[in-house]
N, C-alpha and C. Protein backbone atom coordinates (compact mmCIF):
# COMPACT_ATOMS: atom_id res chain seq x y z
N UNK A 1 -3.74 -16.82 -2.98
CA UNK A 1 -3.44 -15.60 -3.84
C UNK A 1 -2.69 -14.98 -4.05
N UNK A 2 -2.27 -14.30 -5.07
CA UNK A 2 -1.08 -13.64 -5.36
C UNK A 2 -1.81 -12.18 -5.79
N UNK A 3 -1.21 -11.52 -5.17
CA UNK A 3 -1.89 -9.89 -5.54
C UNK A 3 -0.94 -8.74 -5.74
N UNK A 4 -0.77 -8.04 -6.67
CA UNK A 4 -0.07 -6.67 -7.00
C UNK A 4 -0.82 -5.38 -6.65
N UNK A 5 -0.73 -4.92 -5.47
CA UNK A 5 -1.32 -3.62 -5.37
C UNK A 5 -0.59 -2.46 -5.69
N UNK A 6 -0.80 -1.36 -6.14
CA UNK A 6 -0.18 0.29 -5.90
C UNK A 6 -0.88 1.14 -5.47
N UNK A 7 -0.17 1.74 -4.73
CA UNK A 7 -1.36 2.29 -3.82
C UNK A 7 -0.46 4.08 -3.92
N UNK A 8 -1.34 5.29 -4.35
CA UNK A 8 -0.89 6.35 -4.90
C UNK A 8 -1.49 7.68 -4.17
N UNK A 9 -1.13 8.32 -3.33
CA UNK A 9 -1.98 9.19 -2.57
C UNK A 9 -2.13 10.64 -3.66
N UNK A 10 -2.51 11.11 -3.84
CA UNK A 10 -2.81 12.26 -4.50
C UNK A 10 -3.07 13.64 -4.35
N UNK A 11 -2.58 14.72 -4.13
CA UNK A 11 -2.83 16.21 -3.60
C UNK A 11 -1.62 16.13 -2.33
N UNK A 12 -0.66 15.03 -2.19
CA UNK A 12 0.28 15.42 -1.69
C UNK A 12 1.59 15.69 -1.90
N UNK A 13 1.67 16.18 -2.79
CA UNK A 13 3.29 16.47 -3.55
C UNK A 13 3.92 15.11 -4.58
N UNK A 14 4.98 15.69 -4.57
CA UNK A 14 5.83 14.90 -5.88
C UNK A 14 6.42 13.52 -5.08
N UNK A 15 6.97 13.42 -3.97
CA UNK A 15 7.49 12.72 -3.09
C UNK A 15 6.51 11.79 -2.40
N UNK A 16 6.72 10.37 -2.56
CA UNK A 16 5.68 9.47 -2.21
C UNK A 16 6.33 8.29 -0.97
N UNK A 17 7.36 8.49 -1.06
CA UNK A 17 8.50 7.33 -0.35
C UNK A 17 7.62 7.29 1.03
N UNK A 18 7.18 7.97 1.57
CA UNK A 18 6.70 8.10 2.98
C UNK A 18 5.83 7.40 3.13
N UNK A 19 4.45 7.63 2.11
CA UNK A 19 3.07 6.60 2.19
C UNK A 19 3.60 5.55 1.42
N UNK A 20 4.20 5.25 0.86
CA UNK A 20 4.61 3.98 0.53
C UNK A 20 5.16 3.14 1.68
N UNK A 21 6.07 3.44 2.39
CA UNK A 21 6.41 3.09 3.65
C UNK A 21 5.68 2.58 4.88
N UNK A 22 4.47 3.95 4.50
CA UNK A 22 3.38 3.65 5.83
C UNK A 22 2.67 2.38 5.19
N UNK A 23 2.17 2.47 3.94
CA UNK A 23 1.25 1.10 3.40
C UNK A 23 2.29 -0.24 3.68
N UNK A 24 3.59 -0.08 3.72
CA UNK A 24 4.28 -1.21 3.64
C UNK A 24 4.29 -1.80 5.08
N UNK A 25 4.37 -0.55 6.55
CA UNK A 25 4.40 -1.23 7.56
C UNK A 25 2.87 -1.76 7.94
N UNK A 26 1.82 -1.26 7.45
CA UNK A 26 0.43 -2.19 7.39
C UNK A 26 0.79 -3.35 7.27
N UNK A 27 0.95 -3.41 6.20
CA UNK A 27 1.19 -5.09 5.49
C UNK A 27 1.96 -5.78 6.47
N UNK A 28 3.47 -5.37 7.01
CA UNK A 28 4.44 -5.88 7.86
C UNK A 28 3.36 -6.48 9.19
N UNK A 29 2.68 -5.47 9.61
CA UNK A 29 1.96 -5.19 11.00
C UNK A 29 1.32 -6.63 10.74
N UNK A 30 0.37 -6.84 9.86
CA UNK A 30 -0.67 -7.98 9.58
C UNK A 30 0.26 -9.09 9.30
N UNK A 31 1.36 -9.05 9.17
CA UNK A 31 2.16 -10.73 8.83
C UNK A 31 2.21 -10.83 7.31
N UNK A 32 1.69 -10.15 6.47
CA UNK A 32 1.30 -10.73 5.23
C UNK A 32 3.06 -10.88 4.10
N UNK A 33 3.13 -11.72 3.52
CA UNK A 33 4.07 -12.16 2.99
C UNK A 33 4.08 -10.64 1.50
N UNK A 34 5.16 -10.20 1.48
CA UNK A 34 5.32 -9.05 0.55
C UNK A 34 6.41 -9.14 -0.08
N UNK A 35 6.53 -8.79 -1.61
CA UNK A 35 7.97 -8.30 -2.24
C UNK A 35 7.45 -7.03 -2.69
N UNK A 36 8.43 -5.55 -2.32
CA UNK A 36 8.33 -4.52 -3.07
C UNK A 36 8.86 -4.25 -3.94
N UNK A 37 8.38 -3.77 -5.28
CA UNK A 37 8.95 -3.67 -6.67
C UNK A 37 8.90 -2.01 -7.03
N UNK A 38 9.42 -1.85 -7.71
CA UNK A 38 9.68 -0.29 -7.96
C UNK A 38 8.35 0.48 -8.71
N UNK A 39 7.22 -0.68 -9.01
CA UNK A 39 5.82 -0.02 -9.60
C UNK A 39 4.96 -0.36 -8.44
N UNK A 40 5.18 -1.37 -7.44
CA UNK A 40 3.68 -1.80 -6.77
C UNK A 40 4.51 -2.57 -5.52
N UNK A 41 3.95 -2.99 -4.99
CA UNK A 41 4.20 -4.40 -4.02
C UNK A 41 3.02 -5.79 -4.28
N UNK A 42 4.02 -6.69 -4.62
CA UNK A 42 3.36 -8.01 -4.70
C UNK A 42 2.92 -8.91 -3.24
N UNK A 43 1.81 -9.25 -3.00
CA UNK A 43 1.20 -9.77 -1.54
C UNK A 43 0.65 -11.16 -1.96
N UNK A 44 0.33 -12.18 -0.93
CA UNK A 44 0.20 -13.34 -0.75
C UNK A 44 -0.75 -13.42 0.43
N UNK A 45 -2.33 -13.06 -0.02
CA UNK A 45 -3.38 -13.22 0.72
C UNK A 45 -4.20 -14.34 0.45
N UNK A 46 -4.87 -14.75 1.66
CA UNK A 46 -5.86 -15.92 1.42
C UNK A 46 -7.12 -15.49 0.64
N UNK A 47 -7.54 -14.38 0.74
CA UNK A 47 -9.12 -14.23 0.28
C UNK A 47 -9.63 -12.69 -0.36
N UNK A 48 -10.11 -12.62 -1.00
CA UNK A 48 -10.49 -10.97 -1.43
C UNK A 48 -10.89 -10.16 -0.27
N UNK A 49 -11.25 -10.69 0.64
CA UNK A 49 -11.87 -10.26 1.99
C UNK A 49 -10.64 -9.60 2.65
N UNK A 50 -9.77 -10.49 2.72
CA UNK A 50 -8.43 -10.25 3.65
C UNK A 50 -7.46 -8.94 2.80
N UNK A 51 -7.60 -8.96 1.91
CA UNK A 51 -7.20 -8.01 0.91
C UNK A 51 -8.06 -6.89 0.93
N UNK A 52 -9.52 -6.88 1.15
CA UNK A 52 -10.03 -5.62 1.41
C UNK A 52 -10.03 -4.99 2.76
N UNK A 53 -9.56 -5.77 3.65
CA UNK A 53 -9.09 -5.15 5.14
C UNK A 53 -8.12 -4.52 4.82
N UNK A 54 -6.97 -5.16 4.13
CA UNK A 54 -5.81 -4.64 4.39
C UNK A 54 -5.84 -3.19 3.25
N UNK A 55 -6.35 -3.37 2.58
CA UNK A 55 -6.52 -2.20 1.80
C UNK A 55 -7.17 -1.00 2.41
N UNK A 56 -8.05 -1.20 3.21
CA UNK A 56 -8.78 -0.08 3.93
C UNK A 56 -7.97 0.21 4.96
N UNK A 57 -7.33 -0.34 5.53
CA UNK A 57 -6.41 -0.44 6.71
C UNK A 57 -5.05 0.74 6.28
N UNK A 58 -4.69 0.25 5.16
CA UNK A 58 -3.76 1.18 4.23
C UNK A 58 -4.48 2.57 3.97
N UNK A 59 -5.48 2.77 3.56
CA UNK A 59 -6.36 3.58 3.12
C UNK A 59 -6.84 4.60 4.45
N UNK A 60 -6.82 3.88 5.65
CA UNK A 60 -7.16 5.01 6.81
C UNK A 60 -5.76 5.60 7.25
N UNK A 61 -4.64 4.64 7.22
CA UNK A 61 -3.29 5.28 7.78
C UNK A 61 -2.79 6.77 7.03
N UNK A 62 -2.89 6.49 5.58
CA UNK A 62 -2.46 7.33 4.27
C UNK A 62 -3.47 8.42 4.73
N UNK A 63 -4.83 8.34 5.12
CA UNK A 63 -5.69 9.53 5.24
C UNK A 63 -5.35 10.05 6.43
N UNK A 64 -4.82 9.64 7.39
CA UNK A 64 -4.23 10.48 8.95
C UNK A 64 -3.08 10.76 8.55
N UNK A 65 -2.08 10.55 7.46
CA UNK A 65 -1.35 11.49 7.24
C UNK A 65 -1.53 12.40 6.38
N UNK A 66 -2.67 12.58 5.90
CA UNK A 66 -3.12 14.13 5.22
C UNK A 66 -3.20 13.80 3.89
N UNK A 67 -3.33 12.38 3.13
CA UNK A 67 -3.74 12.31 1.93
C UNK A 67 -5.02 12.60 1.57
N UNK A 68 -5.88 13.53 0.77
CA UNK A 68 -6.95 13.95 0.53
C UNK A 68 -7.46 12.97 -0.57
N UNK A 69 -6.85 12.23 -1.29
CA UNK A 69 -7.41 11.13 -2.15
C UNK A 69 -6.31 9.94 -2.48
N UNK A 70 -6.75 9.07 -2.72
CA UNK A 70 -5.68 7.58 -2.60
C UNK A 70 -6.03 7.33 -3.79
N UNK A 71 -5.28 6.51 -4.94
CA UNK A 71 -6.27 5.90 -5.97
C UNK A 71 -5.31 4.42 -5.82
N UNK A 72 -6.04 3.28 -6.15
CA UNK A 72 -5.98 2.07 -5.86
C UNK A 72 -5.69 1.26 -7.08
N UNK A 73 -4.53 0.48 -7.34
CA UNK A 73 -4.53 -0.56 -8.73
C UNK A 73 -4.33 -2.00 -8.15
N UNK A 74 -5.37 -2.80 -8.29
CA UNK A 74 -5.19 -4.03 -7.98
C UNK A 74 -5.25 -5.05 -9.17
N UNK A 75 -4.42 -5.98 -8.95
CA UNK A 75 -4.25 -7.23 -9.88
C UNK A 75 -4.36 -8.30 -9.09
N UNK A 76 -4.98 -9.42 -9.25
CA UNK A 76 -5.26 -10.66 -8.54
C UNK A 76 -5.18 -11.63 -9.50
N UNK A 77 -3.85 -12.84 -8.86
CA UNK A 77 -4.30 -14.37 -9.84
C UNK A 77 -4.81 -14.95 -8.62
N UNK A 78 -5.87 -15.26 -8.30
CA UNK A 78 -6.43 -16.64 -7.73
C UNK A 78 -6.74 -17.77 -8.56
N UNK A 79 -6.27 -18.99 -8.32
CA UNK A 79 -6.23 -20.29 -8.48
C UNK A 79 -6.35 -21.21 -7.49
N UNK A 80 -7.08 -22.29 -7.79
CA UNK A 80 -7.77 -23.51 -7.24
C UNK A 80 -6.44 -24.07 -6.29
N UNK A 81 -5.41 -24.25 -7.21
CA UNK A 81 -4.32 -24.81 -6.75
C UNK A 81 -3.27 -24.04 -6.49
N UNK A 82 -2.74 -24.24 -5.37
CA UNK A 82 -2.34 -23.07 -4.35
C UNK A 82 -0.99 -23.14 -4.88
N UNK A 83 -0.18 -21.88 -4.74
CA UNK A 83 1.19 -21.54 -5.45
C UNK A 83 1.47 -20.06 -4.41
N UNK A 84 2.64 -19.87 -4.49
CA UNK A 84 3.17 -18.50 -4.18
C UNK A 84 4.23 -17.60 -5.28
N UNK A 85 4.52 -16.87 -4.50
CA UNK A 85 5.62 -15.74 -5.73
C UNK A 85 6.57 -16.75 -5.71
N UNK A 86 7.50 -17.28 -5.01
CA UNK A 86 8.73 -17.78 -5.72
C UNK A 86 8.34 -18.72 -7.14
N UNK A 87 7.43 -19.58 -6.56
CA UNK A 87 6.93 -20.57 -7.64
C UNK A 87 6.88 -20.22 -8.96
N UNK A 88 6.01 -19.06 -8.94
CA UNK A 88 5.52 -18.48 -10.23
C UNK A 88 6.91 -18.04 -10.96
N UNK A 89 7.63 -17.29 -10.45
CA UNK A 89 9.25 -16.70 -10.77
C UNK A 89 10.07 -18.05 -11.30
N UNK A 90 9.95 -18.87 -10.68
CA UNK A 90 10.97 -20.06 -10.73
C UNK A 90 10.84 -20.80 -12.05
N UNK A 91 9.40 -20.92 -12.02
CA UNK A 91 8.64 -21.78 -13.15
C UNK A 91 9.29 -21.22 -14.87
N UNK A 92 9.26 -19.88 -14.54
CA UNK A 92 9.39 -18.93 -15.85
C UNK A 92 11.14 -18.77 -16.12
N UNK A 93 11.88 -19.06 -14.74
CA UNK A 93 13.29 -18.93 -14.92
C UNK A 93 13.78 -20.00 -15.57
N UNK A 94 13.30 -21.41 -15.42
CA UNK A 94 13.37 -22.51 -15.71
C UNK A 94 13.68 -22.98 -17.12
N UNK A 95 12.18 -22.06 -17.44
CA UNK A 95 11.99 -22.28 -18.58
C UNK A 95 13.27 -21.48 -19.35
N UNK A 96 13.70 -20.25 -19.14
CA UNK A 96 14.54 -19.50 -19.85
C UNK A 96 15.69 -19.99 -19.89
N UNK A 97 15.89 -21.14 -19.33
CA UNK A 97 17.48 -22.01 -19.09
C UNK A 97 17.55 -22.70 -20.11
N UNK A 98 16.26 -23.03 -20.41
CA UNK A 98 16.11 -24.28 -21.73
C UNK A 98 16.55 -23.99 -22.71
């Protein structure tokens, strides 16, 4: 399953890079394949339960850093046929060349 998340701590000031970095540390520690982009992070996970555990761990870490509130946006693409991030991008890029 390919998922994009955006995790936004609220009430911690304007600069969020230290919080984003901490969230990415959690993702790396769990061994989850990811791609950071300017507006969020795209992940490959096996299930919604894996995603939930990951988001809960991120929430705990950001709370430990002092975030009093955390806003999370999730977009998920589950499909029966297995695919990955690179395949989805490659399919579009191939069509652009035609």
